[in-house]
Structure formats: structure tokens, C-alpha cells
N, C-alpha and C. Protein backbone atom coordinates (compact mmCIF):
# COMPACT_ATOMS: atom_id res chain seq x y z
N VAL A 1 0.81 -1.14 0.00
CA VAL A 1 -0.02 0.05 0.02
C VAL A 1 0.87 1.22 0.04
N GLY A 2 0.60 2.18 -0.94
CA GLY A 2 1.25 3.41 -0.96
C GLY A 2 0.33 4.57 -0.48
N MET A 3 0.90 5.55 0.20
CA MET A 3 0.11 6.65 0.73
C MET A 3 0.58 7.94 0.20
N ILE A 4 -0.36 8.79 -0.33
CA ILE A 4 -0.07 10.09 -0.81
C ILE A 4 -0.85 11.12 0.06
N PHE A 5 -0.16 12.08 0.64
CA PHE A 5 -0.79 13.03 1.54
C PHE A 5 -1.26 14.24 0.78
N GLN A 6 -2.09 15.05 1.50
CA GLN A 6 -2.65 16.21 0.98
C GLN A 6 -1.62 17.26 0.59
N LYS A 7 -0.65 17.46 1.46
CA LYS A 7 0.40 18.42 1.13
C LYS A 7 1.63 17.60 0.66
N PRO A 8 2.06 17.93 -0.55
CA PRO A 8 3.31 17.20 -1.03
C PRO A 8 4.41 17.30 0.03
N SER A 9 4.98 16.17 0.36
CA SER A 9 6.08 16.22 1.37
C SER A 9 7.26 15.31 1.02
N PRO A 10 8.04 15.84 0.00
CA PRO A 10 9.24 15.10 -0.30
C PRO A 10 10.24 15.16 0.84
N PHE A 11 11.04 14.16 0.95
CA PHE A 11 12.12 14.27 2.00
C PHE A 11 13.11 15.31 1.64
N PRO A 12 13.79 15.96 2.61
CA PRO A 12 14.75 17.00 2.31
C PRO A 12 16.08 16.46 1.73
N PHE A 13 15.95 15.61 0.68
CA PHE A 13 17.09 15.01 0.06
C PHE A 13 16.96 15.38 -1.47
N SER A 14 17.87 14.77 -2.24
CA SER A 14 17.79 14.96 -3.66
C SER A 14 16.59 14.12 -4.22
N ILE A 15 16.27 14.41 -5.46
CA ILE A 15 15.22 13.75 -6.12
C ILE A 15 15.50 12.23 -6.05
N TRP A 16 16.77 11.92 -6.42
CA TRP A 16 17.25 10.48 -6.43
C TRP A 16 17.01 9.83 -5.13
N LYS A 17 17.52 10.45 -4.05
CA LYS A 17 17.48 9.86 -2.70
C LYS A 17 16.02 9.68 -2.29
N ASN A 18 15.16 10.57 -2.70
CA ASN A 18 13.69 10.42 -2.33
C ASN A 18 13.16 9.10 -2.79
N LEU A 19 13.62 8.67 -3.99
CA LEU A 19 13.13 7.44 -4.56
C LEU A 19 13.98 6.23 -4.14
N ALA A 20 15.25 6.42 -3.89
CA ALA A 20 16.12 5.34 -3.55
C ALA A 20 15.87 4.92 -2.13
N PHE A 21 15.47 5.81 -1.25
CA PHE A 21 15.27 5.56 0.19
C PHE A 21 14.34 4.38 0.46
N PRO A 22 13.08 4.49 -0.07
CA PRO A 22 12.20 3.34 0.23
C PRO A 22 12.71 2.03 -0.34
N LEU A 23 13.40 2.04 -1.54
CA LEU A 23 13.93 0.84 -2.09
C LEU A 23 14.96 0.22 -1.15
N ARG A 24 15.88 1.11 -0.64
CA ARG A 24 16.92 0.56 0.25
C ARG A 24 16.35 0.06 1.55
N GLU A 25 15.39 0.77 2.00
CA GLU A 25 14.73 0.29 3.26
C GLU A 25 13.97 -1.04 3.09
N HIS A 26 13.61 -1.38 1.83
CA HIS A 26 13.00 -2.65 1.53
C HIS A 26 13.95 -3.68 0.96
N GLY A 27 15.23 -3.44 1.15
CA GLY A 27 16.27 -4.42 0.86
C GLY A 27 16.85 -4.41 -0.56
N VAL A 28 16.42 -3.44 -1.43
CA VAL A 28 17.04 -3.45 -2.75
C VAL A 28 18.40 -2.71 -2.68
N LYS A 29 19.39 -3.46 -3.08
CA LYS A 29 20.77 -2.97 -2.91
C LYS A 29 21.46 -2.67 -4.24
N ASN A 30 21.08 -3.40 -5.30
CA ASN A 30 21.78 -3.34 -6.56
C ASN A 30 21.49 -1.93 -7.16
N ARG A 31 22.59 -1.18 -7.35
CA ARG A 31 22.51 0.19 -7.93
C ARG A 31 21.80 0.29 -9.24
N ASP A 32 22.07 -0.66 -10.13
CA ASP A 32 21.49 -0.69 -11.50
C ASP A 32 20.01 -0.96 -11.37
N ASN A 33 19.56 -1.81 -10.44
CA ASN A 33 18.16 -2.17 -10.27
C ASN A 33 17.45 -0.88 -9.64
N ILE A 34 18.13 -0.30 -8.70
CA ILE A 34 17.60 0.92 -8.16
C ILE A 34 17.37 2.01 -9.24
N ALA A 35 18.42 2.25 -10.06
CA ALA A 35 18.33 3.18 -11.12
C ALA A 35 17.18 2.96 -12.12
N GLN A 36 17.00 1.69 -12.47
CA GLN A 36 15.91 1.31 -13.39
C GLN A 36 14.54 1.59 -12.70
N LEU A 37 14.38 1.16 -11.42
CA LEU A 37 13.12 1.40 -10.71
C LEU A 37 12.81 2.85 -10.61
N ILE A 38 13.83 3.66 -10.29
CA ILE A 38 13.67 5.11 -10.16
C ILE A 38 13.23 5.69 -11.53
N GLU A 39 13.87 5.35 -12.58
CA GLU A 39 13.55 5.90 -13.90
C GLU A 39 12.10 5.47 -14.27
N THR A 40 11.71 4.24 -14.06
CA THR A 40 10.46 3.76 -14.33
C THR A 40 9.37 4.57 -13.57
N ALA A 41 9.60 4.69 -12.28
CA ALA A 41 8.58 5.48 -11.45
C ALA A 41 8.51 6.93 -11.95
N LEU A 42 9.57 7.57 -12.22
CA LEU A 42 9.53 8.90 -12.67
C LEU A 42 8.84 9.01 -14.07
N GLN A 43 9.04 8.02 -14.92
CA GLN A 43 8.36 8.03 -16.18
C GLN A 43 6.88 7.79 -15.97
N ASP A 44 6.54 6.93 -15.04
CA ASP A 44 5.09 6.68 -14.73
C ASP A 44 4.33 7.86 -14.37
N VAL A 45 4.98 8.81 -13.69
CA VAL A 45 4.35 9.98 -13.19
C VAL A 45 4.53 11.25 -14.10
N GLY A 46 5.25 11.02 -15.23
CA GLY A 46 5.53 12.12 -16.15
C GLY A 46 6.55 13.04 -15.70
N LEU A 47 7.45 12.65 -14.82
CA LEU A 47 8.46 13.59 -14.35
C LEU A 47 9.88 13.35 -14.94
N TRP A 48 10.08 12.16 -15.49
CA TRP A 48 11.49 11.79 -15.96
C TRP A 48 12.06 12.88 -16.84
N ASP A 49 11.35 13.33 -17.94
CA ASP A 49 11.93 14.31 -18.78
C ASP A 49 12.14 15.63 -18.13
N GLU A 50 11.39 15.94 -17.08
CA GLU A 50 11.54 17.21 -16.39
C GLU A 50 12.77 17.25 -15.44
N VAL A 51 13.10 16.06 -14.92
CA VAL A 51 14.12 16.09 -13.82
C VAL A 51 15.35 15.16 -14.14
N LYS A 52 15.41 14.51 -15.27
CA LYS A 52 16.47 13.48 -15.48
C LYS A 52 17.86 14.13 -15.46
N ASP A 53 18.01 15.45 -15.74
CA ASP A 53 19.24 16.04 -15.71
C ASP A 53 19.57 16.73 -14.38
N ARG A 54 18.74 16.58 -13.43
CA ARG A 54 18.95 17.17 -12.10
C ARG A 54 18.52 16.22 -10.97
N LEU A 55 18.70 14.94 -11.18
CA LEU A 55 18.35 13.97 -10.18
C LEU A 55 18.98 14.14 -8.83
N HIS A 56 20.17 14.78 -8.81
CA HIS A 56 20.88 14.94 -7.57
C HIS A 56 20.79 16.31 -6.99
N THR A 57 19.73 17.06 -7.40
CA THR A 57 19.41 18.33 -6.78
C THR A 57 18.27 18.16 -5.81
N SER A 58 18.07 19.11 -4.94
CA SER A 58 17.08 18.98 -3.89
C SER A 58 15.69 18.86 -4.43
N ALA A 59 14.96 17.90 -3.89
CA ALA A 59 13.56 17.72 -4.26
C ALA A 59 12.72 18.90 -3.77
N LEU A 60 13.23 19.61 -2.77
CA LEU A 60 12.50 20.78 -2.25
C LEU A 60 12.44 21.96 -3.27
N ALA A 61 13.26 21.94 -4.29
CA ALA A 61 13.33 22.97 -5.29
C ALA A 61 12.22 22.78 -6.36
N LEU A 62 11.59 21.64 -6.34
CA LEU A 62 10.57 21.38 -7.38
C LEU A 62 9.30 22.21 -7.08
N SER A 63 8.52 22.40 -8.13
CA SER A 63 7.17 23.10 -8.02
C SER A 63 6.24 22.24 -7.14
N GLY A 64 5.16 22.82 -6.70
CA GLY A 64 4.23 22.03 -5.93
C GLY A 64 3.66 20.77 -6.66
N GLY A 65 3.33 20.97 -7.94
CA GLY A 65 2.79 19.87 -8.72
C GLY A 65 3.88 18.78 -8.90
N GLN A 66 5.11 19.23 -9.14
CA GLN A 66 6.22 18.27 -9.36
C GLN A 66 6.51 17.54 -8.03
N LYS A 67 6.37 18.23 -6.91
CA LYS A 67 6.61 17.54 -5.62
C LYS A 67 5.51 16.49 -5.46
N GLN A 68 4.29 16.79 -5.74
CA GLN A 68 3.27 15.78 -5.54
C GLN A 68 3.50 14.57 -6.44
N ARG A 69 3.92 14.84 -7.69
CA ARG A 69 4.14 13.71 -8.59
C ARG A 69 5.38 12.97 -8.11
N LEU A 70 6.36 13.58 -7.45
CA LEU A 70 7.52 12.92 -6.92
C LEU A 70 7.10 11.99 -5.82
N CYS A 71 6.17 12.49 -4.95
CA CYS A 71 5.62 11.72 -3.82
C CYS A 71 4.93 10.45 -4.35
N ILE A 72 4.10 10.71 -5.43
CA ILE A 72 3.42 9.52 -6.05
C ILE A 72 4.48 8.55 -6.57
N ALA A 73 5.50 9.05 -7.19
CA ALA A 73 6.58 8.20 -7.73
C ALA A 73 7.26 7.41 -6.64
N ARG A 74 7.45 8.11 -5.45
CA ARG A 74 8.11 7.41 -4.33
C ARG A 74 7.22 6.29 -3.83
N ALA A 75 5.90 6.43 -3.91
CA ALA A 75 5.01 5.33 -3.58
C ALA A 75 5.05 4.27 -4.61
N LEU A 76 5.05 4.67 -5.90
CA LEU A 76 5.03 3.64 -6.94
C LEU A 76 6.27 2.86 -7.09
N VAL A 77 7.39 3.41 -6.64
CA VAL A 77 8.69 2.71 -6.85
C VAL A 77 8.67 1.36 -6.16
N LEU A 78 7.84 1.21 -5.07
CA LEU A 78 7.78 -0.07 -4.36
C LEU A 78 6.69 -0.98 -5.00
N GLN A 79 6.08 -0.52 -6.07
CA GLN A 79 5.19 -1.36 -6.81
C GLN A 79 4.01 -1.88 -5.89
N PRO A 80 3.26 -0.96 -5.23
CA PRO A 80 2.18 -1.44 -4.33
C PRO A 80 0.94 -1.83 -5.23
N GLU A 81 0.05 -2.61 -4.62
CA GLU A 81 -1.16 -2.92 -5.25
C GLU A 81 -2.19 -1.83 -5.12
N VAL A 82 -2.13 -1.05 -4.04
CA VAL A 82 -3.15 -0.04 -3.64
C VAL A 82 -2.40 1.23 -3.35
N LEU A 83 -3.00 2.38 -3.87
CA LEU A 83 -2.56 3.70 -3.53
C LEU A 83 -3.67 4.41 -2.81
N LEU A 84 -3.41 4.92 -1.64
CA LEU A 84 -4.34 5.74 -0.86
C LEU A 84 -3.90 7.21 -1.10
N LEU A 85 -4.85 8.03 -1.59
CA LEU A 85 -4.55 9.40 -1.86
C LEU A 85 -5.51 10.33 -1.11
N ASP A 86 -4.92 11.10 -0.19
CA ASP A 86 -5.71 11.99 0.64
C ASP A 86 -5.70 13.36 0.10
N GLU A 87 -6.80 13.77 -0.58
CA GLU A 87 -6.91 15.14 -1.16
C GLU A 87 -5.62 15.47 -1.97
N PRO A 88 -5.33 14.66 -2.94
CA PRO A 88 -4.03 14.77 -3.65
C PRO A 88 -3.78 16.14 -4.46
N CYS A 89 -4.88 16.86 -4.68
CA CYS A 89 -4.81 18.07 -5.51
C CYS A 89 -5.15 19.35 -4.65
N SER A 90 -5.53 19.23 -3.39
CA SER A 90 -6.04 20.38 -2.67
C SER A 90 -5.00 21.44 -2.46
N ALA A 91 -3.66 21.10 -2.45
CA ALA A 91 -2.61 22.09 -2.21
C ALA A 91 -2.05 22.56 -3.57
N LEU A 92 -2.64 22.17 -4.69
CA LEU A 92 -2.07 22.52 -6.00
C LEU A 92 -2.85 23.59 -6.75
N ASP A 93 -2.21 24.27 -7.64
CA ASP A 93 -2.86 25.18 -8.48
C ASP A 93 -3.65 24.42 -9.60
N PRO A 94 -4.65 25.09 -10.23
CA PRO A 94 -5.51 24.37 -11.20
C PRO A 94 -4.74 23.57 -12.29
N ILE A 95 -3.62 24.14 -12.82
CA ILE A 95 -2.91 23.44 -13.86
C ILE A 95 -2.26 22.14 -13.31
N SER A 96 -1.61 22.26 -12.13
CA SER A 96 -0.95 21.11 -11.51
C SER A 96 -2.00 20.09 -11.13
N SER A 97 -3.20 20.55 -10.63
CA SER A 97 -4.30 19.66 -10.36
C SER A 97 -4.73 18.85 -11.54
N GLY A 98 -4.79 19.53 -12.66
CA GLY A 98 -5.17 18.80 -13.93
C GLY A 98 -4.11 17.77 -14.35
N VAL A 99 -2.82 18.04 -14.11
CA VAL A 99 -1.72 17.11 -14.41
C VAL A 99 -1.92 15.92 -13.51
N VAL A 100 -2.18 16.11 -12.20
CA VAL A 100 -2.26 15.03 -11.25
C VAL A 100 -3.54 14.23 -11.55
N GLU A 101 -4.62 14.92 -11.93
CA GLU A 101 -5.85 14.13 -12.26
C GLU A 101 -5.63 13.25 -13.56
N ASP A 102 -4.91 13.78 -14.49
CA ASP A 102 -4.52 13.02 -15.69
C ASP A 102 -3.66 11.79 -15.33
N LEU A 103 -2.73 12.02 -14.38
CA LEU A 103 -1.91 10.91 -13.85
C LEU A 103 -2.77 9.86 -13.20
N ILE A 104 -3.64 10.32 -12.37
CA ILE A 104 -4.61 9.32 -11.68
C ILE A 104 -5.35 8.54 -12.69
N ALA A 105 -5.86 9.20 -13.78
CA ALA A 105 -6.61 8.46 -14.75
C ALA A 105 -5.68 7.38 -15.45
N ARG A 106 -4.42 7.67 -15.63
CA ARG A 106 -3.52 6.70 -16.25
C ARG A 106 -3.24 5.54 -15.27
N LEU A 107 -3.12 5.86 -14.03
CA LEU A 107 -2.74 4.84 -13.02
C LEU A 107 -3.95 3.92 -12.64
N ARG A 108 -5.12 4.34 -12.81
CA ARG A 108 -6.28 3.64 -12.27
C ARG A 108 -6.44 2.26 -12.98
N GLY A 109 -5.94 2.02 -14.15
CA GLY A 109 -5.97 0.69 -14.76
C GLY A 109 -4.96 -0.29 -14.19
N ARG A 110 -3.93 0.28 -13.50
CA ARG A 110 -2.82 -0.58 -13.02
C ARG A 110 -2.83 -0.78 -11.54
N TYR A 111 -3.53 0.10 -10.82
CA TYR A 111 -3.59 0.05 -9.33
C TYR A 111 -5.00 0.31 -8.82
N THR A 112 -5.22 -0.21 -7.64
CA THR A 112 -6.46 0.15 -7.02
C THR A 112 -6.17 1.43 -6.34
N LEU A 113 -6.99 2.54 -6.55
CA LEU A 113 -6.80 3.79 -6.03
C LEU A 113 -7.94 4.15 -5.13
N VAL A 114 -7.67 4.60 -3.89
CA VAL A 114 -8.68 5.05 -3.00
C VAL A 114 -8.33 6.51 -2.74
N ILE A 115 -9.29 7.40 -3.12
CA ILE A 115 -9.00 8.82 -3.12
C ILE A 115 -10.07 9.51 -2.22
N VAL A 116 -9.58 10.36 -1.30
CA VAL A 116 -10.44 11.15 -0.52
C VAL A 116 -10.47 12.59 -1.12
N THR A 117 -11.64 13.10 -1.39
CA THR A 117 -11.73 14.42 -1.92
C THR A 117 -13.07 15.04 -1.48
N HIS A 118 -13.00 16.35 -1.27
CA HIS A 118 -14.23 17.13 -0.96
C HIS A 118 -14.64 17.85 -2.28
N ASN A 119 -13.90 17.71 -3.35
CA ASN A 119 -14.10 18.38 -4.62
C ASN A 119 -14.99 17.47 -5.42
N LEU A 120 -16.30 17.82 -5.44
CA LEU A 120 -17.28 17.02 -6.11
C LEU A 120 -17.06 16.85 -7.59
N ALA A 121 -16.71 18.02 -8.19
CA ALA A 121 -16.40 17.96 -9.64
C ALA A 121 -15.18 17.04 -9.92
N GLN A 122 -14.18 17.05 -9.06
CA GLN A 122 -13.10 16.13 -9.28
C GLN A 122 -13.48 14.74 -9.02
N ALA A 123 -14.27 14.42 -8.05
CA ALA A 123 -14.73 13.09 -7.81
C ALA A 123 -15.48 12.54 -9.00
N ARG A 124 -16.35 13.39 -9.60
CA ARG A 124 -17.11 12.93 -10.78
C ARG A 124 -16.19 12.71 -11.95
N ARG A 125 -15.15 13.50 -12.13
CA ARG A 125 -14.26 13.31 -13.26
C ARG A 125 -13.36 12.02 -13.17
N ILE A 126 -12.88 11.73 -11.90
CA ILE A 126 -11.78 10.74 -11.84
C ILE A 126 -12.28 9.41 -11.19
N ALA A 127 -13.42 9.36 -10.60
CA ALA A 127 -13.89 8.19 -9.87
C ALA A 127 -14.64 7.23 -10.76
N ASP A 128 -14.51 5.95 -10.49
CA ASP A 128 -15.40 4.87 -11.09
C ASP A 128 -16.58 4.59 -10.00
N TYR A 129 -16.18 4.57 -8.75
CA TYR A 129 -17.16 4.37 -7.75
C TYR A 129 -16.99 5.52 -6.65
N THR A 130 -18.02 5.82 -5.97
CA THR A 130 -18.00 6.86 -4.96
C THR A 130 -18.66 6.42 -3.72
N ALA A 131 -18.03 6.82 -2.55
CA ALA A 131 -18.67 6.55 -1.30
C ALA A 131 -18.80 7.95 -0.59
N VAL A 132 -20.01 8.11 -0.06
CA VAL A 132 -20.32 9.38 0.64
C VAL A 132 -20.33 9.06 2.12
N PHE A 133 -19.48 9.74 2.84
CA PHE A 133 -19.40 9.62 4.25
C PHE A 133 -19.91 10.97 4.88
N TRP A 134 -20.55 10.84 6.05
CA TRP A 134 -21.05 12.00 6.77
C TRP A 134 -20.79 11.85 8.22
N VAL A 135 -20.44 12.98 8.83
CA VAL A 135 -20.17 12.92 10.31
C VAL A 135 -21.35 13.58 10.99
N LYS A 136 -21.89 12.84 11.95
CA LYS A 136 -22.99 13.33 12.76
C LYS A 136 -22.72 12.94 14.18
N GLU A 137 -22.80 13.91 15.07
CA GLU A 137 -22.52 13.74 16.51
C GLU A 137 -21.15 13.07 16.69
N ALA A 138 -20.14 13.52 15.96
CA ALA A 138 -18.79 13.05 16.02
C ALA A 138 -18.56 11.55 15.61
N VAL A 139 -19.55 11.08 14.92
CA VAL A 139 -19.43 9.64 14.34
C VAL A 139 -19.57 9.71 12.84
N GLY A 140 -18.50 9.23 12.14
CA GLY A 140 -18.56 9.10 10.72
C GLY A 140 -19.37 7.97 10.26
N ARG A 141 -20.20 8.15 9.25
CA ARG A 141 -21.03 7.04 8.73
C ARG A 141 -20.97 7.06 7.19
N LEU A 142 -20.98 5.84 6.65
CA LEU A 142 -21.10 5.64 5.29
C LEU A 142 -22.56 5.88 4.90
N ILE A 143 -22.87 6.83 4.11
CA ILE A 143 -24.24 7.19 3.79
C ILE A 143 -24.69 6.38 2.50
N GLU A 144 -23.78 6.38 1.51
CA GLU A 144 -24.14 5.70 0.24
C GLU A 144 -22.85 5.38 -0.51
N TYR A 145 -22.92 4.32 -1.30
CA TYR A 145 -21.85 3.85 -2.09
C TYR A 145 -22.40 3.31 -3.43
N GLY A 146 -21.75 3.65 -4.50
CA GLY A 146 -22.24 3.24 -5.83
C GLY A 146 -21.33 3.71 -6.91
N CYS A 147 -21.67 3.41 -8.19
CA CYS A 147 -20.91 3.89 -9.29
C CYS A 147 -21.15 5.41 -9.36
N VAL A 148 -20.17 6.15 -9.88
CA VAL A 148 -20.20 7.57 -9.86
C VAL A 148 -21.45 8.12 -10.48
N GLU A 149 -21.89 7.53 -11.60
CA GLU A 149 -23.04 8.08 -12.22
C GLU A 149 -24.30 7.95 -11.39
N GLN A 150 -24.47 6.80 -10.75
CA GLN A 150 -25.60 6.63 -9.81
C GLN A 150 -25.61 7.62 -8.66
N ILE A 151 -24.44 7.82 -8.05
CA ILE A 151 -24.33 8.74 -6.90
C ILE A 151 -24.59 10.18 -7.31
N PHE A 152 -24.17 10.54 -8.45
CA PHE A 152 -24.36 11.98 -8.89
C PHE A 152 -25.74 12.22 -9.62
N GLU A 153 -26.23 11.19 -10.25
CA GLU A 153 -27.44 11.40 -11.06
C GLU A 153 -28.73 10.86 -10.46
N SER A 154 -28.65 9.85 -9.70
CA SER A 154 -29.81 9.25 -9.04
C SER A 154 -29.47 8.65 -7.70
N PRO A 155 -29.01 9.55 -6.73
CA PRO A 155 -28.63 9.06 -5.45
C PRO A 155 -29.85 8.45 -4.72
N GLN A 156 -29.66 7.41 -3.93
CA GLN A 156 -30.68 6.75 -3.20
C GLN A 156 -31.00 7.40 -1.87
N GLN A 157 -30.12 8.14 -1.33
CA GLN A 157 -30.28 8.73 -0.03
C GLN A 157 -30.52 10.23 -0.12
N ALA A 158 -31.39 10.77 0.67
CA ALA A 158 -31.70 12.21 0.60
C ALA A 158 -30.49 13.05 0.94
N LEU A 159 -29.72 12.61 1.94
CA LEU A 159 -28.49 13.40 2.32
C LEU A 159 -27.52 13.39 1.21
N THR A 160 -27.30 12.32 0.45
CA THR A 160 -26.42 12.23 -0.65
C THR A 160 -26.93 13.24 -1.79
N ALA A 161 -28.19 13.21 -2.09
CA ALA A 161 -28.74 14.12 -3.01
C ALA A 161 -28.54 15.57 -2.65
N ALA A 162 -28.78 15.85 -1.39
CA ALA A 162 -28.57 17.26 -0.93
C ALA A 162 -27.10 17.63 -1.08
N TYR A 163 -26.17 16.69 -0.77
CA TYR A 163 -24.82 17.08 -0.84
C TYR A 163 -24.33 17.24 -2.28
N VAL A 164 -24.67 16.32 -3.17
CA VAL A 164 -24.14 16.40 -4.59
C VAL A 164 -24.87 17.57 -5.32
N ASN A 165 -26.00 17.99 -4.85
CA ASN A 165 -26.73 19.15 -5.50
C ASN A 165 -26.38 20.45 -4.79
N GLY A 166 -25.42 20.46 -3.83
CA GLY A 166 -24.98 21.69 -3.22
C GLY A 166 -25.92 22.26 -2.15
N ILE A 167 -26.85 21.47 -1.69
CA ILE A 167 -27.79 21.98 -0.62
C ILE A 167 -27.19 21.80 0.70
N ARG A 168 -26.46 20.65 0.92
CA ARG A 168 -25.78 20.40 2.21
C ARG A 168 -24.29 20.32 1.94
N GLY A 169 -23.55 20.62 3.03
CA GLY A 169 -22.10 20.33 2.89
C GLY A 169 -21.38 21.55 2.62
């Protein structure tokens, strides 16, 4: 399982070390193997061409969208089956958000993605299935679950209908 947080948080290392660190922690020692896994992960997130000539510079110098894609690459380098993404675009500008949404669309055929978002338009664009959770009296509850079209076009629960139509929430 890989985890992507709301605020991009690369380690205060080089781009290379951000991706090599989890590999080494999981026992990968061969430098050629590490190099190949790093290149593949960076290609998967569309960063390779942007950073291949500066892999040994600080990851903190990247833009916000690049940092988020680096964090996604850091999760992907371990080849997880599932990626958990907590509001992956909320700290990004609209252009970077679009790039990350496009990346999510490409990854969803290869990984199981669980995404938390309060952005209803984004949920509608990128989700196959949607779960609506609601907190009442400090207890979170699953209100409704279904394919994205059903949730947005013909919700079964009044609270879901109110939320997706902008009446509640």
C-alpha cells in the first residue's frame, strides 16, 4: 500500500534519494536495479523528462505539482497494489491539479486507487465508484456507495442528493 498526503512532502534529500530511500529500506541494494526502478517510477508520473538532468538536486526545489508527482513516484517505486490518496490536489494550482488528475486516470488501470476528496467535480471526473461519508454527532457514517453516475445522477439517500446538489455540505 502506498500513501499520498494532501500536502506534497518530499524528503529533504535529492530527487534520487527520495526514490532510492524506500527501495533501500525494503532491501534493494543493486544500484542498477535501483536506477531502473527510479527511472520507471519517474516516467510513470511524467517527471522523468523534467528532472532526468537534475536527479541529484534537492527535491524541495521542485514546484508544488512536481513535488506531488515525486511523492506519487516514491510510492510507486515499491510497486504497491493499492494507492491511498488523501486530497492529492487540494494544495495545488489548477494546472498542476489537472496534471495530477490525468496521472490518476492513467494509473487507475494498473492500481487500486482510494481517493479522499471534497471536490465533487473532481470526484465525478476521476472516480469509477464513490462513497459518501457524513459525520453526525462526532461519528462518521457511510451514507451511500455506488458507481459515480448513480451517486451523482440518481442518489438513493436524501442526504447524498442534498450534498451532490450543493444543498448540504
